[in-house]
Amino acid sequence: MRIRALSVFEGVVYHCYALDTAHPCRPVLEVEARTQPGDLDAGPLLVAVADYLRMAGAAGRDCLPELARKGRLVEHQNVTHIAFPTWAPVDD
């Protein structure tokens, strides 16, 4: 699954959509957003599980246990997020 982030603030993705919903158990995050210092370099980027499920549908719910086993589910401000610990800039 490829997710495109449109807005990021202090490591949290606030607006995103799915570019490709195939393979929801292996989500990949692409960032296409105007960012400032501190938005991308303070640790893993976080997408709320609620946003992930909105994009992935029922298949995404089945992936949550696997993502949890891999340590990809984290709590931030009392909300469960999927962590994207590694990222690299890409040229389109």
Protein backbone atom coordinates (compact mmCIF):
# COMPACT_ATOMS: atom_id res chain seq x y z
CA MET A 1 0.00 0.00 0.00
CA ARG A 2 1.35 3.42 -0.94
CA ILE A 3 0.18 6.38 1.13
CA ARG A 4 0.85 9.96 0.10
CA ALA A 5 1.15 12.50 2.93
CA LEU A 6 0.01 16.02 2.05
CA SER A 7 0.63 17.70 5.39
CA VAL A 8 3.05 16.85 8.19
CA PHE A 9 3.64 18.72 11.42
CA GLU A 10 6.20 17.62 14.02
CA GLY A 11 6.24 14.05 12.71
CA VAL A 12 2.46 13.56 12.49
CA VAL A 13 0.74 13.17 9.12
CA TYR A 14 -2.49 15.19 9.14
CA HIS A 15 -3.74 14.76 5.57
CA CYS A 16 -3.08 11.74 3.37
CA TYR A 17 -4.61 9.49 0.74
CA ALA A 18 -3.89 6.07 -0.77
CA LEU A 19 -2.10 5.98 -4.10
CA ASP A 20 -2.30 2.18 -4.23
CA THR A 21 -4.20 -0.08 -1.83
CA ALA A 22 -2.51 -3.35 -2.82
CA HIS A 23 -0.61 -5.08 -0.01
CA PRO A 24 -2.11 -3.17 2.96
CA CYS A 25 0.07 -5.10 5.41
CA ARG A 26 3.15 -3.39 3.93
CA PRO A 27 2.30 0.31 3.95
CA VAL A 28 4.82 2.73 2.45
CA LEU A 29 4.63 6.46 3.09
CA GLU A 30 5.50 9.11 0.51
CA VAL A 31 5.60 12.74 1.59
CA GLU A 32 4.55 15.48 -0.80
CA ALA A 33 4.17 18.36 1.59
CA ARG A 34 5.70 21.69 2.46
CA THR A 35 7.64 21.06 5.64
CA GLN A 36 9.68 23.04 8.11
CA PRO A 37 12.61 22.05 10.33
CA GLY A 38 11.37 19.60 12.95
CA ASP A 39 8.52 18.21 10.86
CA LEU A 40 10.47 15.28 9.41
CA ASP A 41 13.57 14.87 11.55
CA ALA A 42 12.20 14.24 15.04
CA GLY A 43 11.74 10.48 14.64
CA PRO A 44 9.37 8.24 12.72
CA LEU A 45 6.52 9.78 10.78
CA LEU A 46 3.11 8.81 12.17
CA VAL A 47 -0.17 8.07 10.37
CA ALA A 48 -3.23 7.57 12.57
CA VAL A 49 -4.62 4.04 12.43
CA ALA A 50 -8.06 5.57 11.77
CA ASP A 51 -6.70 7.20 8.60
CA TYR A 52 -4.99 3.96 7.57
CA LEU A 53 -8.23 2.01 8.01
CA ARG A 54 -10.17 4.63 6.03
CA MET A 55 -7.79 4.03 3.12
CA ALA A 56 -7.19 0.28 3.48
CA GLY A 57 -10.72 -0.81 4.39
CA ALA A 58 -11.48 -4.18 5.95
CA ALA A 59 -8.21 -5.66 4.71
CA GLY A 60 -6.34 -3.12 6.81
CA ARG A 61 -7.98 -4.30 10.02
CA ASP A 62 -6.57 -7.79 9.38
CA CYS A 63 -3.07 -6.27 9.09
CA LEU A 64 -3.07 -4.53 12.48
CA PRO A 65 -1.85 -7.58 14.48
CA GLU A 66 1.07 -8.04 12.07
CA LEU A 67 1.95 -4.34 12.23
CA ALA A 68 1.82 -4.53 16.03
CA ARG A 69 4.16 -7.57 16.06
CA LYS A 70 6.62 -5.59 13.93
CA GLY A 71 6.52 -2.70 16.41
CA ARG A 72 4.89 -0.38 13.88
CA LEU A 73 1.93 0.62 16.11
CA VAL A 74 2.69 3.41 18.58
CA GLU A 75 0.67 5.67 20.86
CA HIS A 76 1.02 9.42 20.41
CA GLN A 77 -1.25 11.85 22.27
CA ASN A 78 -3.57 8.96 23.21
CA VAL A 79 -4.08 7.98 19.56
CA THR A 80 -2.73 4.81 17.93
CA HIS A 81 -0.56 5.50 14.89
CA ILE A 82 1.42 3.48 12.37
CA ALA A 83 5.08 4.48 12.55
CA PHE A 84 7.16 4.91 9.41
CA PRO A 85 10.69 4.84 10.89
CA THR A 86 12.70 5.24 7.72
CA TRP A 87 12.22 7.62 4.85
CA ALA A 88 14.25 9.12 2.04
CA PRO A 89 13.58 12.01 -0.33
CA VAL A 90 12.67 10.91 -3.87
CA ASP A 91 12.61 12.75 -7.18
CA ASP A 92 9.46 12.46 -9.29
